[in-house]
Amino acid sequence: MKARAIKLFTGAVIAAAFTTATLAADWPKRPIRLVVPYAPGGTVDTVARLLGDKLGTQLGQAIIIENRPGAGGNIGTEAVTRANPDGYTLLMAGNPTHALNPHLYKELTFDPLTDLTPIALLSLAPNLLVVNPSIGVNNVAQLVELARNEPGVVTYSSSGRGTTGHLVGEMLKNKADIEISHIPYRGQADAILGVIRGDVSFAAVTIPGTLAHVNDGKLKAIAITSSERSNLAKDIPTVAESGYAGFEALAWYNLSAPPDVKPEIIKKIVGALEAVMQSPDINARFTTLGLEPRLITGEAYTSFLKSESEKWGTIIKQADVGGQ
């Protein structure tokens, strides 16, 4: 009787494994929902729609974009952590949801590093440090010197407290050991106008929509926040080469799935992404958006997520901006 029970149990396990493997092999058999935890029209939404079309073609099923904004991206992200792990729900997000929010929101009910299945990093977006030309600053060293000579007088704008633009300023403040004041605005466009008007000294902002003001002479770009010079603005030096080794501050965009999605399904998605990211028009569109295509998967991507979370967590703690 005991032997028969063991055989029945073993048979059930084999049957379950066979069923799971079959389901993964047949995936996808219906449209896939791609959750964007922000309102339509932003960069994350644009990237999702851009990649969604081509990814759907590669996988043979439609990708349906579902915008679920709220709480800085936390509402949509949490929904994906609780979704059925069948591969039919995915998340398009980025550094705020994965590396900033866990340190900004003390009541967060999930950990994006453990409660999501990482699929791939898709692109990076450096920031430009721009100043008002009237302050007479041509590089980072001169900005730092100005801040040291006039403590508390140098100010910088951002699109809000706890945003990348705010934290880039905090990173510079810590690296250079200077006193500068943060002035939050309602959005990046207003933050840029604040620099143009001379209300603030500088800002760290994304490249699209900023280079035009630089070319018109309304702003001066003194550095870029990537670790190496960017193809998006080849003539602009990095903050690191301006005297602050290790300085790197990037926005980035990624694709995730609910926890426990089968590796076979993740492998299919990665294979489709590899084909999509080789598309010349995808690369051209990313450049227009101020993004550098960068497909990273597997352990390298997991290590990247952990490193980014630790880095920004330290900066947020130093700036004392957590606890929302």
C-alpha atoms as a PDB file:
ATOM      1  CA  MET A   1       0.000   0.000   0.000  1.00  0.00           C
ATOM      2  CA  LYS A   2       2.866   2.314   0.913  1.00  0.00           C
ATOM      3  CA  ALA A   3       4.688   1.555  -2.355  1.00  0.00           C
ATOM      4  CA  ARG A   4       1.513   2.273  -4.305  1.00  0.00           C
ATOM      5  CA  ALA A   5       1.134   5.651  -2.546  1.00  0.00           C
ATOM      6  CA  ILE A   6       4.702   6.550  -3.409  1.00  0.00           C
ATOM      7  CA  LYS A   7       4.097   5.623  -7.058  1.00  0.00           C
ATOM      8  CA  LEU A   8       0.941   7.730  -7.146  1.00  0.00           C
ATOM      9  CA  PHE A   9       2.763  10.696  -5.586  1.00  0.00           C
ATOM     10  CA  THR A  10       5.690  10.343  -7.973  1.00  0.00           C
ATOM     11  CA  GLY A  11       3.323  10.129 -10.901  1.00  0.00           C
ATOM     12  CA  ALA A  12       1.522  13.273  -9.796  1.00  0.00           C
ATOM     13  CA  VAL A  13       4.801  15.171  -9.501  1.00  0.00           C
ATOM     14  CA  ILE A  14       5.907  14.064 -12.963  1.00  0.00           C
ATOM     15  CA  ALA A  15       2.517  14.963 -14.430  1.00  0.00           C
ATOM     16  CA  ALA A  16       2.617  18.419 -12.818  1.00  0.00           C
ATOM     17  CA  ALA A  17       6.139  19.018 -14.106  1.00  0.00           C
ATOM     18  CA  PHE A  18       5.103  17.880 -17.578  1.00  0.00           C
ATOM     19  CA  THR A  19       2.071  20.200 -17.522  1.00  0.00           C
ATOM     20  CA  THR A  20       4.185  23.168 -16.389  1.00  0.00           C
ATOM     21  CA  ALA A  21       6.787  22.512 -19.086  1.00  0.00           C
ATOM     22  CA  THR A  22       4.056  22.197 -21.708  1.00  0.00           C
ATOM     23  CA  LEU A  23       2.435  25.475 -20.639  1.00  0.00           C
ATOM     24  CA  ALA A  24       5.796  27.254 -20.804  1.00  0.00           C
ATOM     25  CA  ALA A  25       6.506  25.754 -24.219  1.00  0.00           C
ATOM     26  CA  ASP A  26       3.122  26.924 -25.539  1.00  0.00           C
ATOM     27  CA  TRP A  27       3.496  30.432 -24.108  1.00  0.00           C
ATOM     28  CA  PRO A  28       2.199  32.875 -25.253  1.00  0.00           C
ATOM     29  CA  LYS A  29      -1.213  31.759 -26.446  1.00  0.00           C
ATOM     30  CA  ARG A  30      -3.046  35.026 -25.769  1.00  0.00           C
ATOM     31  CA  PRO A  31      -2.318  38.780 -25.477  1.00  0.00           C
ATOM     32  CA  ILE A  32       0.143  39.956 -22.832  1.00  0.00           C
ATOM     33  CA  ARG A  33      -0.619  42.803 -20.437  1.00  0.00           C
ATOM     34  CA  LEU A  34       2.250  45.282 -19.964  1.00  0.00           C
ATOM     35  CA  VAL A  35       1.663  47.429 -16.885  1.00  0.00           C
ATOM     36  CA  VAL A  36       3.089  50.961 -16.862  1.00  0.00           C
ATOM     37  CA  PRO A  37       2.891  52.402 -13.326  1.00  0.00           C
ATOM     38  CA  TYR A  38       2.645  55.976 -14.631  1.00  0.00           C
ATOM     39  CA  ALA A  39       0.200  58.082 -16.621  1.00  0.00           C
ATOM     40  CA  PRO A  40       0.267  58.017 -20.445  1.00  0.00           C
ATOM     41  CA  GLY A  41       2.668  60.316 -22.243  1.00  0.00           C
ATOM     42  CA  GLY A  42       5.789  60.037 -20.077  1.00  0.00           C
ATOM     43  CA  THR A  43       9.066  58.399 -21.046  1.00  0.00           C
ATOM     44  CA  VAL A  44       8.239  55.041 -19.425  1.00  0.00           C
ATOM     45  CA  ASP A  45       4.924  54.940 -21.263  1.00  0.00           C
ATOM     46  CA  THR A  46       6.587  55.891 -24.556  1.00  0.00           C
ATOM     47  CA  VAL A  47       9.236  53.177 -24.160  1.00  0.00           C
ATOM     48  CA  ALA A  48       6.552  50.629 -23.286  1.00  0.00           C
ATOM     49  CA  ARG A  49       4.517  51.410 -26.405  1.00  0.00           C
ATOM     50  CA  LEU A  50       7.595  51.554 -28.598  1.00  0.00           C
ATOM     51  CA  LEU A  51       8.944  48.189 -27.457  1.00  0.00           C
ATOM     52  CA  GLY A  52       5.515  46.650 -26.941  1.00  0.00           C
ATOM     53  CA  ASP A  53       4.643  46.753 -30.628  1.00  0.00           C
ATOM     54  CA  LYS A  54       7.838  45.066 -31.745  1.00  0.00           C
ATOM     55  CA  LEU A  55       7.989  42.649 -28.820  1.00  0.00           C
ATOM     56  CA  GLY A  56       4.443  41.528 -29.607  1.00  0.00           C
ATOM     57  CA  THR A  57       5.452  40.872 -33.204  1.00  0.00           C
ATOM     58  CA  GLN A  58       8.388  38.755 -32.054  1.00  0.00           C
ATOM     59  CA  LEU A  59       6.251  36.753 -29.617  1.00  0.00           C
ATOM     60  CA  GLY A  60       3.268  36.401 -31.948  1.00  0.00           C
ATOM     61  CA  GLN A  61       0.786  38.010 -29.567  1.00  0.00           C
ATOM     62  CA  ALA A  62      -0.465  41.540 -28.925  1.00  0.00           C
ATOM     63  CA  ILE A  63       1.063  43.521 -26.064  1.00  0.00           C
ATOM     64  CA  ILE A  64      -1.648  45.545 -24.335  1.00  0.00           C
ATOM     65  CA  ILE A  65      -0.419  48.603 -22.391  1.00  0.00           C
ATOM     66  CA  GLU A  66      -2.190  49.196 -19.084  1.00  0.00           C
ATOM     67  CA  ASN A  67      -1.416  52.458 -17.296  1.00  0.00           C
ATOM     68  CA  ARG A  68      -1.807  52.194 -13.508  1.00  0.00           C
ATOM     69  CA  PRO A  69      -0.379  55.437 -12.079  1.00  0.00           C
ATOM     70  CA  GLY A  70      -0.215  56.494  -8.460  1.00  0.00           C
ATOM     71  CA  ALA A  71       2.102  56.785  -5.440  1.00  0.00           C
ATOM     72  CA  GLY A  72       5.198  57.412  -7.525  1.00  0.00           C
ATOM     73  CA  GLY A  73       4.738  54.186  -9.468  1.00  0.00           C
ATOM     74  CA  ASN A  74       4.094  52.000  -6.437  1.00  0.00           C
ATOM     75  CA  ILE A  75       0.451  51.154  -7.196  1.00  0.00           C
ATOM     76  CA  GLY A  76       1.094  49.622 -10.599  1.00  0.00           C
ATOM     77  CA  THR A  77       4.284  47.921  -9.436  1.00  0.00           C
ATOM     78  CA  GLU A  78       2.565  46.323  -6.441  1.00  0.00           C
ATOM     79  CA  ALA A  79      -0.209  45.052  -8.721  1.00  0.00           C
ATOM     80  CA  VAL A  80       2.363  43.176 -10.791  1.00  0.00           C
ATOM     81  CA  THR A  81       3.976  41.634  -7.697  1.00  0.00           C
ATOM     82  CA  ARG A  82       0.575  40.070  -6.957  1.00  0.00           C
ATOM     83  CA  ALA A  83      -0.313  39.038 -10.501  1.00  0.00           C
ATOM     84  CA  ASN A  84      -0.592  35.459 -11.721  1.00  0.00           C
ATOM     85  CA  PRO A  85       2.939  34.229 -12.558  1.00  0.00           C
ATOM     86  CA  ASP A  86       1.859  32.850 -15.918  1.00  0.00           C
ATOM     87  CA  GLY A  87       3.847  35.293 -18.044  1.00  0.00           C
ATOM     88  CA  TYR A  88       0.791  37.222 -19.212  1.00  0.00           C
ATOM     89  CA  THR A  89       1.465  40.226 -16.960  1.00  0.00           C
ATOM     90  CA  LEU A  90       4.694  42.214 -17.226  1.00  0.00           C
ATOM     91  CA  LEU A  91       5.941  45.533 -15.809  1.00  0.00           C
ATOM     92  CA  MET A  92       7.712  48.353 -17.611  1.00  0.00           C
ATOM     93  CA  ALA A  93       9.286  50.665 -15.050  1.00  0.00           C
ATOM     94  CA  GLY A  94      12.665  52.055 -14.024  1.00  0.00           C
ATOM     95  CA  ASN A  95      14.938  53.398 -11.338  1.00  0.00           C
ATOM     96  CA  PRO A  96      12.258  55.230  -9.281  1.00  0.00           C
ATOM     97  CA  THR A  97      10.215  52.077  -8.619  1.00  0.00           C
ATOM     98  CA  HIS A  98      13.203  49.744  -8.218  1.00  0.00           C
ATOM     99  CA  ALA A  99      15.994  51.815  -6.654  1.00  0.00           C
ATOM    100  CA  LEU A 100      14.476  54.987  -5.164  1.00  0.00           C
ATOM    101  CA  ASN A 101      11.013  54.201  -3.811  1.00  0.00           C
ATOM    102  CA  PRO A 102      12.089  51.388  -1.465  1.00  0.00           C
ATOM    103  CA  HIS A 103      14.127  54.015   0.402  1.00  0.00           C
ATOM    104  CA  LEU A 104      11.661  56.887   0.023  1.00  0.00           C
ATOM    105  CA  TYR A 105       8.472  55.117   1.169  1.00  0.00           C
ATOM    106  CA  LYS A 106       8.640  53.587   4.622  1.00  0.00           C
ATOM    107  CA  GLU A 107       5.245  51.870   4.280  1.00  0.00           C
ATOM    108  CA  LEU A 108       6.074  50.072   1.022  1.00  0.00           C
ATOM    109  CA  THR A 109       4.469  46.613   1.098  1.00  0.00           C
ATOM    110  CA  PHE A 110       6.822  44.954  -1.396  1.00  0.00           C
ATOM    111  CA  ASP A 111      10.498  44.745  -2.273  1.00  0.00           C
ATOM    112  CA  PRO A 112      11.066  45.143  -6.020  1.00  0.00           C
ATOM    113  CA  LEU A 113      14.353  43.239  -5.773  1.00  0.00           C
ATOM    114  CA  THR A 114      12.743  40.106  -4.332  1.00  0.00           C
ATOM    115  CA  ASP A 115       9.040  40.378  -5.199  1.00  0.00           C
ATOM    116  CA  LEU A 116       9.538  40.724  -8.947  1.00  0.00           C
ATOM    117  CA  THR A 117      11.267  38.507 -11.487  1.00  0.00           C
ATOM    118  CA  PRO A 118      13.941  40.599 -13.222  1.00  0.00           C
ATOM    119  CA  ILE A 119      13.942  40.260 -17.014  1.00  0.00           C
ATOM    120  CA  ALA A 120      16.141  42.968 -18.515  1.00  0.00           C
ATOM    121  CA  LEU A 121      17.570  46.431 -18.346  1.00  0.00           C
ATOM    122  CA  LEU A 122      16.624  48.167 -21.592  1.00  0.00           C
ATOM    123  CA  SER A 123      18.193  51.608 -21.650  1.00  0.00           C
ATOM    124  CA  LEU A 124      20.051  54.277 -19.711  1.00  0.00           C
ATOM    125  CA  ALA A 125      19.442  58.037 -19.592  1.00  0.00           C
ATOM    126  CA  PRO A 126      22.151  60.362 -18.281  1.00  0.00           C
ATOM    127  CA  ASN A 127      21.398  63.843 -16.996  1.00  0.00           C
ATOM    128  CA  LEU A 128      22.991  67.107 -18.017  1.00  0.00           C
ATOM    129  CA  LEU A 129      24.225  69.601 -15.452  1.00  0.00           C
ATOM    130  CA  VAL A 130      23.100  72.944 -16.847  1.00  0.00           C
ATOM    131  CA  VAL A 131      23.727  76.410 -15.445  1.00  0.00           C
ATOM    132  CA  ASN A 132      22.506  79.907 -16.183  1.00  0.00           C
ATOM    133  CA  PRO A 133      25.277  81.528 -18.278  1.00  0.00           C
ATOM    134  CA  SER A 134      25.097  84.700 -16.168  1.00  0.00           C
ATOM    135  CA  ILE A 135      26.693  83.017 -13.126  1.00  0.00           C
ATOM    136  CA  GLY A 136      30.008  82.747 -14.996  1.00  0.00           C
ATOM    137  CA  VAL A 137      30.495  79.007 -14.497  1.00  0.00           C
ATOM    138  CA  ASN A 138      32.011  76.937 -17.318  1.00  0.00           C
ATOM    139  CA  ASN A 139      32.664  73.608 -15.588  1.00  0.00           C
ATOM    140  CA  VAL A 140      32.002  71.587 -12.440  1.00  0.00           C
ATOM    141  CA  ALA A 141      35.163  72.821 -10.727  1.00  0.00           C
ATOM    142  CA  GLN A 142      34.025  76.429 -11.081  1.00  0.00           C
ATOM    143  CA  LEU A 143      30.527  75.574  -9.810  1.00  0.00           C
ATOM    144  CA  VAL A 144      32.053  73.891  -6.747  1.00  0.00           C
ATOM    145  CA  GLU A 145      34.373  76.869  -6.195  1.00  0.00           C
ATOM    146  CA  LEU A 146      31.405  79.235  -6.352  1.00  0.00           C
ATOM    147  CA  ALA A 147      29.535  77.146  -3.798  1.00  0.00           C
ATOM    148  CA  ARG A 148      32.546  77.117  -1.462  1.00  0.00           C
ATOM    149  CA  ASN A 149      33.099  80.840  -1.752  1.00  0.00           C
ATOM    150  CA  GLU A 150      29.427  81.583  -1.133  1.00  0.00           C
ATOM    151  CA  PRO A 151      28.010  78.770   1.069  1.00  0.00           C
ATOM    152  CA  GLY A 152      24.241  78.382   0.717  1.00  0.00           C
ATOM    153  CA  VAL A 153      23.956  80.865  -2.154  1.00  0.00           C
ATOM    154  CA  VAL A 154      24.202  78.295  -4.969  1.00  0.00           C
ATOM    155  CA  THR A 155      20.807  76.685  -5.592  1.00  0.00           C
ATOM    156  CA  TYR A 156      19.505  73.984  -7.897  1.00  0.00           C
ATOM    157  CA  SER A 157      16.079  73.019  -9.187  1.00  0.00           C
ATOM    158  CA  SER A 158      14.440  69.647  -9.804  1.00  0.00           C
ATOM    159  CA  SER A 159      11.046  68.250 -10.723  1.00  0.00           C
ATOM    160  CA  GLY A 160      10.397  67.395  -7.084  1.00  0.00           C
ATOM    161  CA  ARG A 161      11.735  66.131  -3.789  1.00  0.00           C
ATOM    162  CA  GLY A 162      13.146  62.619  -4.073  1.00  0.00           C
ATOM    163  CA  THR A 163      13.430  62.687  -7.881  1.00  0.00           C
ATOM    164  CA  THR A 164      16.596  61.827  -9.771  1.00  0.00           C
ATOM    165  CA  GLY A 165      17.275  65.516 -10.433  1.00  0.00           C
ATOM    166  CA  HIS A 166      17.088  66.251  -6.715  1.00  0.00           C
ATOM    167  CA  LEU A 167      19.311  63.328  -5.767  1.00  0.00           C
ATOM    168  CA  VAL A 168      21.942  64.168  -8.387  1.00  0.00           C
ATOM    169  CA  GLY A 169      22.339  67.501  -6.615  1.00  0.00           C
ATOM    170  CA  GLU A 170      22.632  65.702  -3.289  1.00  0.00           C
ATOM    171  CA  MET A 171      25.270  63.395  -4.758  1.00  0.00           C
ATOM    172  CA  LEU A 172      27.316  66.377  -5.949  1.00  0.00           C
ATOM    173  CA  LYS A 173      26.843  68.050  -2.586  1.00  0.00           C
ATOM    174  CA  ASN A 174      28.259  65.000  -0.805  1.00  0.00           C
ATOM    175  CA  LYS A 175      31.070  64.304  -3.268  1.00  0.00           C
ATOM    176  CA  ALA A 176      32.312  67.902  -3.334  1.00  0.00           C
ATOM    177  CA  ASP A 177      31.484  68.679   0.317  1.00  0.00           C
ATOM    178  CA  ILE A 178      29.648  71.893  -0.521  1.00  0.00           C
ATOM    179  CA  GLU A 179      26.545  73.684   0.746  1.00  0.00           C
ATOM    180  CA  ILE A 180      23.888  74.070  -1.961  1.00  0.00           C
ATOM    181  CA  SER A 181      20.126  74.481  -1.614  1.00  0.00           C
ATOM    182  CA  HIS A 182      17.452  72.437  -3.398  1.00  0.00           C
ATOM    183  CA  ILE A 183      14.418  74.216  -4.862  1.00  0.00           C
ATOM    184  CA  PRO A 184      11.716  71.741  -6.007  1.00  0.00           C
ATOM    185  CA  TYR A 185       9.426  72.612  -8.930  1.00  0.00           C
ATOM    186  CA  ARG A 186       6.266  70.933 -10.212  1.00  0.00           C
ATOM    187  CA  GLY A 187       7.960  69.354 -13.223  1.00  0.00           C
ATOM    188  CA  GLN A 188      11.163  69.296 -15.232  1.00  0.00           C
ATOM    189  CA  ALA A 189       9.990  71.961 -17.679  1.00  0.00           C
ATOM    190  CA  ASP A 190       9.464  74.373 -14.782  1.00  0.00           C
ATOM    191  CA  ALA A 191      12.791  73.344 -13.236  1.00  0.00           C
ATOM    192  CA  ILE A 192      14.571  74.186 -16.498  1.00  0.00           C
ATOM    193  CA  LEU A 193      12.770  77.525 -16.762  1.00  0.00           C
ATOM    194  CA  GLY A 194      13.937  78.282 -13.232  1.00  0.00           C
ATOM    195  CA  VAL A 195      17.543  78.016 -14.404  1.00  0.00           C
ATOM    196  CA  ILE A 196      16.880  80.033 -17.579  1.00  0.00           C
ATOM    197  CA  ARG A 197      15.252  82.830 -15.574  1.00  0.00           C
ATOM    198  CA  GLY A 198      18.097  82.825 -13.079  1.00  0.00           C
ATOM    199  CA  ASP A 199      15.877  81.859 -10.147  1.00  0.00           C
ATOM    200  CA  VAL A 200      18.311  79.000  -9.410  1.00  0.00           C
ATOM    201  CA  SER A 201      21.958  78.396 -10.295  1.00  0.00           C
ATOM    202  CA  PHE A 202      21.807  74.994 -11.943  1.00  0.00           C
ATOM    203  CA  ALA A 203      19.854  71.788 -12.514  1.00  0.00           C
ATOM    204  CA  ALA A 204      20.412  68.145 -13.471  1.00  0.00           C
ATOM    205  CA  VAL A 205      17.939  67.423 -16.253  1.00  0.00           C
ATOM    206  CA  THR A 206      17.334  64.956 -19.054  1.00  0.00           C
ATOM    207  CA  ILE A 207      18.797  65.648 -22.481  1.00  0.00           C
ATOM    208  CA  PRO A 208      15.665  65.960 -24.695  1.00  0.00           C
ATOM    209  CA  GLY A 209      14.266  69.456 -24.554  1.00  0.00           C
ATOM    210  CA  THR A 210      17.425  70.758 -22.882  1.00  0.00           C
ATOM    211  CA  LEU A 211      20.020  70.766 -25.663  1.00  0.00           C
ATOM    212  CA  ALA A 212      17.875  73.180 -27.664  1.00  0.00           C
ATOM    213  CA  HIS A 213      18.179  75.729 -24.838  1.00  0.00           C
ATOM    214  CA  VAL A 214      21.923  75.048 -24.676  1.00  0.00           C
ATOM    215  CA  ASN A 215      22.274  75.627 -28.407  1.00  0.00           C
ATOM    216  CA  ASP A 216      20.258  78.855 -28.106  1.00  0.00           C
ATOM    217  CA  GLY A 217      22.595  80.112 -25.386  1.00  0.00           C
ATOM    218  CA  LYS A 218      19.895  80.186 -22.714  1.00  0.00           C
ATOM    219  CA  LEU A 219      21.648  77.434 -20.755  1.00  0.00           C
ATOM    220  CA  LYS A 220      25.237  76.220 -20.499  1.00  0.00           C
ATOM    221  CA  ALA A 221      25.869  72.469 -20.197  1.00  0.00           C
ATOM    222  CA  ILE A 222      28.888  71.908 -17.963  1.00  0.00           C
ATOM    223  CA  ALA A 223      28.802  68.122 -17.448  1.00  0.00           C
ATOM    224  CA  ILE A 224      26.950  64.879 -18.042  1.00  0.00           C
ATOM    225  CA  THR A 225      26.220  62.402 -15.242  1.00  0.00           C
ATOM    226  CA  SER A 226      27.151  59.146 -16.988  1.00  0.00           C
ATOM    227  CA  SER A 227      30.455  57.476 -16.052  1.00  0.00           C
ATOM    228  CA  GLU A 228      31.693  57.880 -19.644  1.00  0.00           C
ATOM    229  CA  ARG A 229      30.936  60.483 -22.284  1.00  0.00           C
ATOM    230  CA  SER A 230      27.625  59.876 -23.965  1.00  0.00           C
ATOM    231  CA  ASN A 231      26.942  59.482 -27.667  1.00  0.00           C
ATOM    232  CA  LEU A 232      23.967  61.727 -27.021  1.00  0.00           C
ATOM    233  CA  ALA A 233      26.243  64.687 -26.212  1.00  0.00           C
ATOM    234  CA  LYS A 234      29.802  63.721 -27.126  1.00  0.00           C
ATOM    235  CA  ASP A 235      31.427  67.093 -26.438  1.00  0.00           C
ATOM    236  CA  ILE A 236      30.205  67.411 -22.862  1.00  0.00           C
ATOM    237  CA  PRO A 237      32.587  66.075 -20.156  1.00  0.00           C
ATOM    238  CA  THR A 238      31.434  63.794 -17.382  1.00  0.00           C
ATOM    239  CA  VAL A 239      31.266  64.852 -13.749  1.00  0.00           C
ATOM    240  CA  ALA A 240      33.753  62.048 -13.064  1.00  0.00           C
ATOM    241  CA  GLU A 241      36.373  63.447 -15.424  1.00  0.00           C
ATOM    242  CA  SER A 242      35.730  66.886 -13.954  1.00  0.00           C
ATOM    243  CA  GLY A 243      37.372  65.706 -10.739  1.00  0.00           C
ATOM    244  CA  TYR A 244      34.839  63.445  -8.990  1.00  0.00           C
ATOM    245  CA  ALA A 245      35.789  59.854  -9.715  1.00  0.00           C
ATOM    246  CA  GLY A 246      32.980  57.320  -9.468  1.00  0.00           C
ATOM    247  CA  PHE A 247      30.244  59.889  -9.985  1.00  0.00           C
ATOM    248  CA  GLU A 248      27.448  58.292 -11.983  1.00  0.00           C
ATOM    249  CA  ALA A 249      23.752  59.111 -11.885  1.00  0.00           C
ATOM    250  CA  LEU A 250      21.465  57.583 -14.483  1.00  0.00           C
ATOM    251  CA  ALA A 251      17.799  57.120 -15.082  1.00  0.00           C
ATOM    252  CA  TRP A 252      17.076  53.690 -16.537  1.00  0.00           C
ATOM    253  CA  TYR A 253      14.200  51.606 -17.842  1.00  0.00           C
ATOM    254  CA  ASN A 254      13.560  47.924 -17.329  1.00  0.00           C
ATOM    255  CA  LEU A 255      11.205  45.000 -17.776  1.00  0.00           C
ATOM    256  CA  SER A 256      10.039  42.751 -14.929  1.00  0.00           C
ATOM    257  CA  ALA A 257       7.526  39.980 -14.262  1.00  0.00           C
ATOM    258  CA  PRO A 258       5.657  38.737 -11.191  1.00  0.00           C
ATOM    259  CA  PRO A 259       7.568  36.413  -8.858  1.00  0.00           C
ATOM    260  CA  ASP A 260       7.954  32.737  -9.803  1.00  0.00           C
ATOM    261  CA  VAL A 261       7.448  33.105 -13.556  1.00  0.00           C
ATOM    262  CA  LYS A 262       8.978  30.035 -15.194  1.00  0.00           C
ATOM    263  CA  PRO A 263      12.563  30.431 -16.474  1.00  0.00           C
ATOM    264  CA  GLU A 264      11.479  29.066 -19.863  1.00  0.00           C
ATOM    265  CA  ILE A 265       9.084  31.995 -20.286  1.00  0.00           C
ATOM    266  CA  ILE A 266      11.699  34.541 -19.187  1.00  0.00           C
ATOM    267  CA  LYS A 267      14.110  32.997 -21.699  1.00  0.00           C
ATOM    268  CA  LYS A 268      11.568  33.471 -24.499  1.00  0.00           C
ATOM    269  CA  ILE A 269      11.043  37.129 -23.545  1.00  0.00           C
ATOM    270  CA  VAL A 270      14.789  37.783 -23.429  1.00  0.00           C
ATOM    271  CA  GLY A 271      15.231  36.164 -26.837  1.00  0.00           C
ATOM    272  CA  ALA A 272      12.517  38.396 -28.282  1.00  0.00           C
ATOM    273  CA  LEU A 273      14.072  41.462 -26.658  1.00  0.00           C
ATOM    274  CA  GLU A 274      17.473  40.644 -28.157  1.00  0.00           C
ATOM    275  CA  ALA A 275      15.915  40.684 -31.608  1.00  0.00           C
ATOM    276  CA  VAL A 276      13.946  43.881 -30.937  1.00  0.00           C
ATOM    277  CA  MET A 277      16.906  45.799 -29.518  1.00  0.00           C
ATOM    278  CA  GLN A 278      18.916  45.155 -32.681  1.00  0.00           C
ATOM    279  CA  SER A 279      16.374  47.101 -34.707  1.00  0.00           C
ATOM    280  CA  PRO A 280      17.888  50.307 -36.183  1.00  0.00           C
ATOM    281  CA  ASP A 281      14.639  52.241 -35.778  1.00  0.00           C
ATOM    282  CA  ILE A 282      14.432  51.282 -32.094  1.00  0.00           C
ATOM    283  CA  ASN A 283      17.929  52.661 -31.593  1.00  0.00           C
ATOM    284  CA  ALA A 284      17.023  55.815 -33.500  1.00  0.00           C
ATOM    285  CA  ARG A 285      13.857  56.352 -31.455  1.00  0.00           C
ATOM    286  CA  PHE A 286      15.740  55.775 -28.203  1.00  0.00           C
ATOM    287  CA  THR A 287      18.271  58.430 -29.212  1.00  0.00           C
ATOM    288  CA  THR A 288      15.421  60.864 -29.901  1.00  0.00           C
ATOM    289  CA  LEU A 289      14.142  60.188 -26.388  1.00  0.00           C
ATOM    290  CA  GLY A 290      17.586  60.830 -24.894  1.00  0.00           C
ATOM    291  CA  LEU A 291      18.126  57.150 -24.090  1.00  0.00           C
ATOM    292  CA  GLU A 292      21.122  54.910 -24.648  1.00  0.00           C
ATOM    293  CA  PRO A 293      20.058  51.351 -25.603  1.00  0.00           C
ATOM    294  CA  ARG A 294      21.613  48.884 -23.162  1.00  0.00           C
ATOM    295  CA  LEU A 295      20.242  45.338 -22.943  1.00  0.00           C
ATOM    296  CA  ILE A 296      21.489  43.624 -19.776  1.00  0.00           C
ATOM    297  CA  THR A 297      19.992  40.352 -18.521  1.00  0.00           C
ATOM    298  CA  GLY A 298      20.706  37.498 -16.111  1.00  0.00           C
ATOM    299  CA  GLU A 299      23.102  37.828 -13.186  1.00  0.00           C
ATOM    300  CA  ALA A 300      24.668  41.010 -14.571  1.00  0.00           C
ATOM    301  CA  TYR A 301      21.259  42.684 -14.480  1.00  0.00           C
ATOM    302  CA  THR A 302      20.477  41.400 -10.979  1.00  0.00           C
ATOM    303  CA  SER A 303      23.812  42.763  -9.740  1.00  0.00           C
ATOM    304  CA  PHE A 304      23.075  46.091 -11.419  1.00  0.00           C
ATOM    305  CA  LEU A 305      19.714  46.364  -9.625  1.00  0.00           C
ATOM    306  CA  LYS A 306      21.260  45.623  -6.242  1.00  0.00           C
ATOM    307  CA  SER A 307      24.113  48.080  -6.777  1.00  0.00           C
ATOM    308  CA  GLU A 308      21.756  50.875  -7.884  1.00  0.00           C
ATOM    309  CA  SER A 309      19.441  50.322  -4.924  1.00  0.00           C
ATOM    310  CA  GLU A 310      22.341  50.441  -2.468  1.00  0.00           C
ATOM    311  CA  LYS A 311      23.822  53.569  -4.067  1.00  0.00           C
ATOM    312  CA  TRP A 312      20.600  55.560  -4.108  1.00  0.00           C
ATOM    313  CA  GLY A 313      19.610  54.280  -0.676  1.00  0.00           C
ATOM    314  CA  THR A 314      22.785  55.779   0.753  1.00  0.00           C
ATOM    315  CA  ILE A 315      22.192  59.121  -0.955  1.00  0.00           C
ATOM    316  CA  ILE A 316      18.553  59.259   0.170  1.00  0.00           C
ATOM    317  CA  LYS A 317      19.590  58.536   3.750  1.00  0.00           C
ATOM    318  CA  GLN A 318      22.287  61.220   3.652  1.00  0.00           C
ATOM    319  CA  ALA A 319      19.793  63.705   2.211  1.00  0.00           C
ATOM    320  CA  ASP A 320      17.175  62.718   4.804  1.00  0.00           C
ATOM    321  CA  VAL A 321      14.374  62.615   2.243  1.00  0.00           C
ATOM    322  CA  GLY A 322      12.935  59.182   3.051  1.00  0.00           C
ATOM    323  CA  GLY A 323       9.898  58.304   5.123  1.00  0.00           C
ATOM    324  CA  GLN A 324       7.070  59.343   2.794  1.00  0.00           C
END
